[in-house]
Structures are given as C-alpha cells and as structure tokens.
Amino acid sequence: MVQQVVMRVGGGTPTFETKENPSSKAPLSFEDASHGVRIPRLGTQDILRIAEFAVSSGFALDGFQVSDHTMTSVQDPLASKVSRELVKKLTNGVRAADVEDLLLQRWPSLSVTGVTLTTPDHRTARLQRQGVFWAPSGWSPTRFLSDAWQAVHFW
C-alpha cells in the first residue's frame, strides 16, 4: 500500500504520520508548512543512515534504488551492482558515512533514492525520497521512522 510520510515539526522531536496515497499524488501536495507539516527530504545520506539503523534493529536490507544526477533510476546491471555493494558494506557493519564515501568515490554521479527492507516479521517495506513508503498491510512505518529519527536525525 502506497503511503506518504509526513512530519509534524514545531520545535523538538518531530512526530511522524502516514497518509494513504492510492492515487500516487505528488509528495509535496501533502506538505502544509504554515501548520508545521513537512514531508521528509531524504537524500542519499539520510537513506543510508536509515538503512544502517534498520540493520541494527533486526531488519534485513534487501537493496537500494539508485538514480543518476537527473534523478532518473539507473538500470541493471549497474543498479544491481551498486546496490549489492552498498548492502554488503552496511550488513557487514560499515558505517553509513563510510558507505556514502565509497559511493562518492566509485560512482560520483549516482544517488541513493530508496531502500527496500524486510521487517523483523518477514514483510517487505520500501522507503523512497520525499517520504514515499510502501508498507505491508497492517504495518505502520511511523514507529520505525520515529525510532530511526531518534538514532540518526534525518530530515
């Protein structure tokens, strides 16, 4: 089920909510800055740090979506190669910052734009830039994102 993650900000720790988005409306259409409602602007560093948190929290890291400098998804075989390398590093305990450095050194024109995870109860979830989330029915990403924010403070 496609959901849009929004953050309520207004001082300290943001709170996270999900909004159903079955018609795949643009993420920015969910933002209401005058009322402190923002969508998370997840860049490469944020997604890698969330993935690092997920691995340390019992999630399996399945892969990354990789895009070029125009934010166009990179196709296989390059996409698979980059994703496998990043997954391998993070699952072997390499810090997200070091994984990002590797990406910048080996593939400087590429960005991480999404991550696919398997939850501890063996369901698949996918998070992309601007807080687009595909979550299994009955599983809410809000607790996961709240815990991840406490650990890594992404925006």
N, C-alpha and C. Protein backbone atom coordinates (compact mmCIF):
# COMPACT_ATOMS: atom_id res chain seq x y z
N MET A 1 0.84 -1.17 0.00
CA MET A 1 0.00 0.00 0.00
C MET A 1 0.89 1.24 0.00
N VAL A 2 0.66 2.17 -0.91
CA VAL A 2 1.45 3.39 -1.01
C VAL A 2 0.98 4.38 0.05
N GLN A 3 1.94 4.85 0.82
CA GLN A 3 1.66 5.84 1.85
C GLN A 3 2.63 6.99 1.71
N GLN A 4 2.21 8.15 2.21
CA GLN A 4 3.09 9.30 2.25
C GLN A 4 3.40 9.61 3.70
N VAL A 5 4.67 9.66 4.02
CA VAL A 5 5.08 10.01 5.37
C VAL A 5 5.12 11.54 5.46
N VAL A 6 4.54 12.07 6.53
CA VAL A 6 4.65 13.49 6.82
C VAL A 6 5.18 13.64 8.24
N MET A 7 5.88 14.76 8.46
CA MET A 7 6.42 15.06 9.77
C MET A 7 5.72 16.31 10.29
N ARG A 8 5.36 16.27 11.55
CA ARG A 8 4.86 17.48 12.21
C ARG A 8 6.04 18.03 13.00
N VAL A 9 6.46 19.22 12.61
CA VAL A 9 7.60 19.86 13.25
C VAL A 9 7.13 21.13 13.93
N GLY A 10 7.79 21.47 14.98
CA GLY A 10 7.41 22.67 15.70
C GLY A 10 8.25 22.82 16.94
N GLY A 11 9.50 22.55 16.80
CA GLY A 11 10.36 22.62 17.96
C GLY A 11 11.26 21.42 18.03
N GLY A 12 11.08 20.62 19.03
CA GLY A 12 11.96 19.48 19.30
C GLY A 12 11.80 18.35 18.31
N THR A 13 11.51 17.19 18.83
CA THR A 13 11.42 15.98 18.04
C THR A 13 10.18 16.00 17.16
N PRO A 14 10.33 15.76 15.86
CA PRO A 14 9.15 15.70 15.01
C PRO A 14 8.33 14.43 15.28
N THR A 15 7.06 14.50 14.98
CA THR A 15 6.23 13.31 15.01
C THR A 15 5.93 12.92 13.57
N PHE A 16 5.74 11.65 13.36
CA PHE A 16 5.54 11.13 12.01
C PHE A 16 4.13 10.58 11.88
N GLU A 17 3.56 10.81 10.71
CA GLU A 17 2.25 10.27 10.37
C GLU A 17 2.33 9.73 8.95
N THR A 18 1.43 8.84 8.63
CA THR A 18 1.33 8.38 7.25
C THR A 18 -0.06 8.72 6.74
N LYS A 19 -0.09 9.08 5.50
CA LYS A 19 -1.34 9.38 4.80
C LYS A 19 -1.45 8.39 3.65
N GLU A 20 -2.63 7.84 3.48
CA GLU A 20 -2.85 6.95 2.35
C GLU A 20 -2.68 7.75 1.06
N ASN A 21 -2.09 7.12 0.05
CA ASN A 21 -1.87 7.78 -1.22
C ASN A 21 -2.09 6.80 -2.38
N PRO A 22 -3.31 6.25 -2.48
CA PRO A 22 -3.56 5.24 -3.50
C PRO A 22 -3.47 5.77 -4.93
N SER A 23 -3.67 7.08 -5.12
CA SER A 23 -3.58 7.64 -6.47
C SER A 23 -2.21 8.23 -6.76
N SER A 24 -1.24 7.99 -5.87
CA SER A 24 0.15 8.43 -6.05
C SER A 24 0.27 9.93 -6.34
N LYS A 25 -0.39 10.72 -5.50
CA LYS A 25 -0.27 12.17 -5.61
C LYS A 25 1.17 12.57 -5.31
N ALA A 26 1.57 13.73 -5.79
CA ALA A 26 2.92 14.23 -5.57
C ALA A 26 3.18 14.42 -4.08
N PRO A 27 4.35 14.01 -3.60
CA PRO A 27 4.65 14.16 -2.18
C PRO A 27 4.46 15.58 -1.65
N LEU A 28 4.87 16.57 -2.41
CA LEU A 28 4.74 17.95 -1.93
C LEU A 28 3.30 18.38 -1.71
N SER A 29 2.35 17.68 -2.33
CA SER A 29 0.94 18.05 -2.12
C SER A 29 0.48 17.75 -0.70
N PHE A 30 1.27 16.97 0.05
CA PHE A 30 0.93 16.65 1.44
C PHE A 30 1.53 17.64 2.43
N GLU A 31 2.35 18.53 1.94
CA GLU A 31 3.04 19.46 2.82
C GLU A 31 2.16 20.68 3.12
N ASP A 32 2.21 21.13 4.36
CA ASP A 32 1.48 22.32 4.80
C ASP A 32 2.38 23.06 5.80
N ALA A 33 3.34 23.80 5.25
CA ALA A 33 4.37 24.44 6.08
C ALA A 33 3.77 25.41 7.10
N SER A 34 2.67 26.05 6.76
CA SER A 34 2.07 27.01 7.70
C SER A 34 1.54 26.34 8.95
N HIS A 35 1.30 25.03 8.88
CA HIS A 35 0.82 24.26 10.04
C HIS A 35 1.88 23.28 10.55
N GLY A 36 3.12 23.47 10.11
CA GLY A 36 4.22 22.64 10.60
C GLY A 36 4.22 21.23 10.06
N VAL A 37 3.59 20.99 8.91
CA VAL A 37 3.56 19.66 8.30
C VAL A 37 4.50 19.66 7.11
N ARG A 38 5.53 18.82 7.19
CA ARG A 38 6.53 18.71 6.14
C ARG A 38 6.65 17.27 5.68
N ILE A 39 7.10 17.11 4.47
CA ILE A 39 7.48 15.77 4.04
C ILE A 39 8.98 15.65 4.30
N PRO A 40 9.46 14.47 4.67
CA PRO A 40 10.90 14.32 4.88
C PRO A 40 11.64 14.40 3.55
N ARG A 41 12.69 15.19 3.54
CA ARG A 41 13.53 15.34 2.34
C ARG A 41 14.70 14.37 2.49
N LEU A 42 14.51 13.16 2.07
CA LEU A 42 15.50 12.11 2.29
C LEU A 42 16.49 12.05 1.14
N GLY A 43 17.71 12.43 1.41
CA GLY A 43 18.77 12.32 0.43
C GLY A 43 19.55 11.03 0.64
N THR A 44 20.62 10.88 -0.11
CA THR A 44 21.45 9.69 -0.03
C THR A 44 21.90 9.41 1.40
N GLN A 45 22.45 10.42 2.06
CA GLN A 45 22.95 10.23 3.41
C GLN A 45 21.84 9.79 4.36
N ASP A 46 20.67 10.41 4.26
CA ASP A 46 19.55 10.04 5.13
C ASP A 46 19.12 8.59 4.91
N ILE A 47 18.98 8.20 3.66
CA ILE A 47 18.52 6.84 3.36
C ILE A 47 19.56 5.81 3.83
N LEU A 48 20.83 6.11 3.62
CA LEU A 48 21.87 5.19 4.10
C LEU A 48 21.86 5.09 5.62
N ARG A 49 21.66 6.20 6.30
CA ARG A 49 21.62 6.18 7.77
C ARG A 49 20.38 5.45 8.28
N ILE A 50 19.26 5.61 7.60
CA ILE A 50 18.05 4.87 7.98
C ILE A 50 18.28 3.38 7.76
N ALA A 51 18.94 3.03 6.65
CA ALA A 51 19.25 1.62 6.38
C ALA A 51 20.18 1.06 7.44
N GLU A 52 21.18 1.83 7.85
CA GLU A 52 22.09 1.40 8.90
C GLU A 52 21.32 1.16 10.20
N PHE A 53 20.43 2.07 10.53
CA PHE A 53 19.59 1.90 11.72
C PHE A 53 18.73 0.63 11.59
N ALA A 54 18.15 0.43 10.42
CA ALA A 54 17.29 -0.74 10.21
C ALA A 54 18.05 -2.04 10.44
N VAL A 55 19.26 -2.12 9.89
CA VAL A 55 20.07 -3.33 10.06
C VAL A 55 20.34 -3.58 11.55
N SER A 56 20.64 -2.51 12.28
CA SER A 56 20.93 -2.66 13.71
C SER A 56 19.68 -2.97 14.52
N SER A 57 18.52 -2.84 13.90
CA SER A 57 17.24 -3.07 14.59
C SER A 57 16.55 -4.35 14.16
N GLY A 58 17.26 -5.23 13.47
CA GLY A 58 16.70 -6.52 13.12
C GLY A 58 16.04 -6.60 11.76
N PHE A 59 16.13 -5.56 10.96
CA PHE A 59 15.60 -5.59 9.60
C PHE A 59 16.66 -6.17 8.68
N ALA A 60 16.23 -6.82 7.62
CA ALA A 60 17.13 -7.26 6.57
C ALA A 60 17.15 -6.19 5.49
N LEU A 61 18.32 -5.90 5.00
CA LEU A 61 18.49 -4.90 3.96
C LEU A 61 18.49 -5.61 2.62
N ASP A 62 17.45 -5.36 1.82
CA ASP A 62 17.29 -6.07 0.55
C ASP A 62 17.94 -5.38 -0.63
N GLY A 63 17.94 -4.06 -0.63
CA GLY A 63 18.54 -3.36 -1.76
C GLY A 63 18.23 -1.88 -1.74
N PHE A 64 18.91 -1.19 -2.65
CA PHE A 64 18.74 0.25 -2.79
C PHE A 64 18.29 0.59 -4.20
N GLN A 65 17.52 1.63 -4.30
CA GLN A 65 17.20 2.23 -5.60
C GLN A 65 18.27 3.29 -5.82
N VAL A 66 18.85 3.29 -7.01
CA VAL A 66 19.93 4.21 -7.33
C VAL A 66 19.52 5.04 -8.54
N SER A 67 19.83 6.34 -8.47
CA SER A 67 19.48 7.25 -9.56
C SER A 67 20.71 8.04 -9.99
N ASP A 68 20.62 8.55 -11.22
CA ASP A 68 21.73 9.37 -11.72
C ASP A 68 21.54 10.83 -11.30
N HIS A 69 22.39 11.70 -11.80
CA HIS A 69 22.35 13.11 -11.41
C HIS A 69 21.05 13.82 -11.79
N THR A 70 20.26 13.23 -12.70
CA THR A 70 18.97 13.83 -13.07
C THR A 70 17.81 13.21 -12.29
N MET A 71 18.15 12.34 -11.32
CA MET A 71 17.17 11.61 -10.50
C MET A 71 16.38 10.60 -11.33
N THR A 72 16.98 10.12 -12.41
CA THR A 72 16.41 9.04 -13.21
C THR A 72 16.97 7.73 -12.68
N SER A 73 16.11 6.76 -12.46
CA SER A 73 16.56 5.47 -11.93
C SER A 73 17.58 4.84 -12.87
N VAL A 74 18.67 4.37 -12.27
CA VAL A 74 19.71 3.67 -13.01
C VAL A 74 19.22 2.25 -13.24
N GLN A 75 19.48 1.73 -14.42
CA GLN A 75 19.02 0.39 -14.78
C GLN A 75 20.12 -0.63 -14.53
N ASP A 76 19.72 -1.91 -14.54
CA ASP A 76 20.67 -3.00 -14.42
C ASP A 76 21.54 -3.06 -15.67
N PRO A 77 22.73 -3.53 -15.59
CA PRO A 77 23.34 -4.22 -14.46
C PRO A 77 23.97 -3.28 -13.44
N LEU A 78 24.15 -2.00 -13.79
CA LEU A 78 24.83 -1.08 -12.87
C LEU A 78 24.04 -0.91 -11.57
N ALA A 79 22.73 -0.77 -11.65
CA ALA A 79 21.92 -0.56 -10.44
C ALA A 79 22.10 -1.72 -9.47
N SER A 80 22.05 -2.94 -9.98
CA SER A 80 22.21 -4.12 -9.12
C SER A 80 23.60 -4.18 -8.51
N LYS A 81 24.60 -3.85 -9.30
CA LYS A 81 25.98 -3.89 -8.82
C LYS A 81 26.18 -2.89 -7.67
N VAL A 82 25.73 -1.67 -7.85
CA VAL A 82 25.87 -0.63 -6.82
C VAL A 82 25.08 -1.03 -5.58
N SER A 83 23.85 -1.46 -5.77
CA SER A 83 23.00 -1.85 -4.64
C SER A 83 23.64 -2.98 -3.84
N ARG A 84 24.10 -4.02 -4.53
CA ARG A 84 24.74 -5.16 -3.84
C ARG A 84 25.94 -4.71 -3.02
N GLU A 85 26.74 -3.83 -3.58
CA GLU A 85 27.94 -3.36 -2.88
C GLU A 85 27.56 -2.57 -1.63
N LEU A 86 26.56 -1.70 -1.74
CA LEU A 86 26.14 -0.90 -0.59
C LEU A 86 25.52 -1.79 0.49
N VAL A 87 24.69 -2.73 0.09
CA VAL A 87 24.06 -3.66 1.04
C VAL A 87 25.15 -4.46 1.76
N LYS A 88 26.10 -4.97 1.00
CA LYS A 88 27.18 -5.77 1.59
C LYS A 88 27.92 -4.97 2.65
N LYS A 89 28.26 -3.75 2.34
CA LYS A 89 29.01 -2.92 3.29
C LYS A 89 28.19 -2.67 4.55
N LEU A 90 26.95 -2.25 4.40
CA LEU A 90 26.13 -1.94 5.58
C LEU A 90 25.83 -3.17 6.42
N THR A 91 25.59 -4.30 5.79
CA THR A 91 25.29 -5.51 6.57
C THR A 91 26.53 -6.09 7.23
N ASN A 92 27.70 -5.67 6.76
CA ASN A 92 28.96 -6.10 7.40
C ASN A 92 29.45 -5.08 8.41
N GLY A 93 28.61 -4.14 8.78
CA GLY A 93 28.94 -3.22 9.85
C GLY A 93 29.67 -1.95 9.47
N VAL A 94 29.82 -1.69 8.19
CA VAL A 94 30.45 -0.44 7.76
C VAL A 94 29.44 0.69 8.01
N ARG A 95 29.92 1.76 8.57
CA ARG A 95 29.05 2.90 8.90
C ARG A 95 28.49 3.56 7.64
N ALA A 96 27.30 4.12 7.76
CA ALA A 96 26.64 4.76 6.62
C ALA A 96 27.50 5.86 6.01
N ALA A 97 28.18 6.64 6.84
CA ALA A 97 29.03 7.72 6.32
C ALA A 97 30.15 7.16 5.44
N ASP A 98 30.72 6.03 5.83
CA ASP A 98 31.78 5.41 5.04
C ASP A 98 31.22 4.79 3.75
N VAL A 99 30.00 4.29 3.82
CA VAL A 99 29.35 3.75 2.63
C VAL A 99 29.07 4.88 1.64
N GLU A 100 28.64 6.02 2.17
CA GLU A 100 28.42 7.17 1.30
C GLU A 100 29.73 7.62 0.64
N ASP A 101 30.82 7.61 1.40
CA ASP A 101 32.12 7.96 0.83
C ASP A 101 32.49 7.01 -0.30
N LEU A 102 32.24 5.72 -0.11
CA LEU A 102 32.50 4.73 -1.16
C LEU A 102 31.69 5.06 -2.41
N LEU A 103 30.42 5.37 -2.23
CA LEU A 103 29.55 5.72 -3.36
C LEU A 103 30.11 6.93 -4.09
N LEU A 104 30.51 7.94 -3.35
CA LEU A 104 31.04 9.16 -3.96
C LEU A 104 32.35 8.90 -4.71
N GLN A 105 33.15 8.00 -4.19
CA GLN A 105 34.44 7.70 -4.84
C GLN A 105 34.26 6.85 -6.09
N ARG A 106 33.43 5.81 -5.99
CA ARG A 106 33.32 4.86 -7.11
C ARG A 106 32.29 5.26 -8.15
N TRP A 107 31.19 5.89 -7.70
CA TRP A 107 30.11 6.27 -8.61
C TRP A 107 29.65 7.69 -8.26
N PRO A 108 30.48 8.69 -8.53
CA PRO A 108 30.19 10.05 -8.05
C PRO A 108 28.92 10.68 -8.63
N SER A 109 28.41 10.18 -9.73
CA SER A 109 27.21 10.79 -10.31
C SER A 109 25.92 10.11 -9.85
N LEU A 110 26.03 9.13 -8.94
CA LEU A 110 24.85 8.38 -8.51
C LEU A 110 24.41 8.79 -7.12
N SER A 111 23.10 8.65 -6.88
CA SER A 111 22.50 8.93 -5.58
C SER A 111 21.63 7.76 -5.18
N VAL A 112 21.50 7.56 -3.88
CA VAL A 112 20.57 6.56 -3.36
C VAL A 112 19.23 7.26 -3.18
N THR A 113 18.19 6.71 -3.80
CA THR A 113 16.87 7.34 -3.76
C THR A 113 15.80 6.46 -3.11
N GLY A 114 16.19 5.29 -2.66
CA GLY A 114 15.23 4.42 -1.99
C GLY A 114 15.91 3.22 -1.39
N VAL A 115 15.20 2.58 -0.44
CA VAL A 115 15.71 1.38 0.20
C VAL A 115 14.56 0.41 0.38
N THR A 116 14.86 -0.86 0.17
CA THR A 116 13.89 -1.93 0.40
C THR A 116 14.39 -2.77 1.56
N LEU A 117 13.49 -3.01 2.51
CA LEU A 117 13.82 -3.73 3.74
C LEU A 117 12.86 -4.88 3.94
N THR A 118 13.31 -5.89 4.67
CA THR A 118 12.41 -6.92 5.17
C THR A 118 12.30 -6.69 6.67
N THR A 119 11.07 -6.55 7.14
CA THR A 119 10.82 -6.28 8.54
C THR A 119 11.17 -7.51 9.38
N PRO A 120 11.34 -7.34 10.69
CA PRO A 120 11.64 -8.50 11.53
C PRO A 120 10.58 -9.60 11.46
N ASP A 121 9.34 -9.23 11.08
CA ASP A 121 8.30 -10.27 10.92
C ASP A 121 8.15 -10.71 9.46
N HIS A 122 9.21 -10.50 8.67
CA HIS A 122 9.35 -11.05 7.31
C HIS A 122 8.40 -10.44 6.28
N ARG A 123 8.16 -9.15 6.40
CA ARG A 123 7.36 -8.45 5.39
C ARG A 123 8.23 -7.39 4.72
N THR A 124 7.91 -7.07 3.49
CA THR A 124 8.71 -6.12 2.72
C THR A 124 8.16 -4.71 2.85
N ALA A 125 9.08 -3.76 3.05
CA ALA A 125 8.74 -2.34 3.10
C ALA A 125 9.76 -1.59 2.25
N ARG A 126 9.32 -0.49 1.64
CA ARG A 126 10.22 0.30 0.80
C ARG A 126 10.01 1.78 1.09
N LEU A 127 11.10 2.48 1.31
CA LEU A 127 11.08 3.91 1.59
C LEU A 127 11.86 4.63 0.50
N GLN A 128 11.28 5.73 -0.02
CA GLN A 128 11.95 6.50 -1.06
C GLN A 128 12.06 7.96 -0.65
N ARG A 129 12.83 8.68 -1.45
CA ARG A 129 12.98 10.12 -1.25
C ARG A 129 11.60 10.75 -1.05
N GLN A 130 11.59 11.82 -0.35
CA GLN A 130 10.37 12.59 -0.08
C GLN A 130 9.31 11.78 0.66
N GLY A 131 9.74 10.75 1.38
CA GLY A 131 8.86 10.04 2.29
C GLY A 131 7.80 9.15 1.68
N VAL A 132 7.99 8.73 0.45
CA VAL A 132 7.05 7.78 -0.16
C VAL A 132 7.37 6.41 0.42
N PHE A 133 6.33 5.73 0.93
CA PHE A 133 6.54 4.47 1.64
C PHE A 133 5.55 3.43 1.15
N TRP A 134 6.07 2.27 0.80
CA TRP A 134 5.22 1.11 0.51
C TRP A 134 5.36 0.21 1.72
N ALA A 135 4.27 0.02 2.41
CA ALA A 135 4.31 -0.78 3.63
C ALA A 135 3.33 -1.92 3.51
N PRO A 136 3.65 -3.04 4.13
CA PRO A 136 2.71 -4.15 4.12
C PRO A 136 1.45 -3.78 4.89
N SER A 137 0.37 -4.35 4.51
CA SER A 137 -0.90 -4.10 5.18
C SER A 137 -0.78 -4.41 6.67
N GLY A 138 -1.24 -3.50 7.48
CA GLY A 138 -1.20 -3.70 8.93
C GLY A 138 0.11 -3.31 9.58
N TRP A 139 1.06 -2.80 8.81
CA TRP A 139 2.35 -2.40 9.37
C TRP A 139 2.53 -0.91 9.12
N SER A 140 2.76 -0.16 10.16
CA SER A 140 2.91 1.28 10.03
C SER A 140 4.37 1.69 10.14
N PRO A 141 4.82 2.52 9.23
CA PRO A 141 6.20 2.96 9.30
C PRO A 141 6.46 4.05 10.35
N THR A 142 5.41 4.56 10.99
CA THR A 142 5.62 5.70 11.89
C THR A 142 6.50 5.35 13.08
N ARG A 143 6.34 4.21 13.69
CA ARG A 143 7.18 3.82 14.82
C ARG A 143 8.63 3.63 14.36
N PHE A 144 8.80 2.94 13.24
CA PHE A 144 10.13 2.73 12.70
C PHE A 144 10.82 4.06 12.42
N LEU A 145 10.12 5.00 11.75
CA LEU A 145 10.72 6.28 11.42
C LEU A 145 10.99 7.13 12.67
N SER A 146 10.11 7.05 13.65
CA SER A 146 10.35 7.78 14.91
C SER A 146 11.61 7.26 15.58
N ASP A 147 11.75 5.95 15.65
CA ASP A 147 12.95 5.36 16.25
C ASP A 147 14.19 5.69 15.43
N ALA A 148 14.06 5.64 14.11
CA ALA A 148 15.20 5.97 13.24
C ALA A 148 15.59 7.44 13.42
N TRP A 149 14.61 8.31 13.53
CA TRP A 149 14.92 9.73 13.71
C TRP A 149 15.68 9.95 15.01
N GLN A 150 15.26 9.27 16.06
CA GLN A 150 15.96 9.39 17.34
C GLN A 150 17.42 8.96 17.20
N ALA A 151 17.66 7.98 16.36
CA ALA A 151 19.02 7.45 16.21
C ALA A 151 19.88 8.29 15.24
N VAL A 152 19.29 8.78 14.16
CA VAL A 152 20.11 9.40 13.12
C VAL A 152 19.74 10.83 12.77
N HIS A 153 18.62 11.33 13.24
CA HIS A 153 18.19 12.72 12.99
C HIS A 153 18.21 13.13 11.52
N PHE A 154 17.55 12.34 10.69
CA PHE A 154 17.44 12.69 9.28
C PHE A 154 16.42 13.80 9.09
N TRP A 155 16.42 14.40 7.95
CA TRP A 155 15.39 15.39 7.56
C TRP A 155 14.96 15.09 6.18
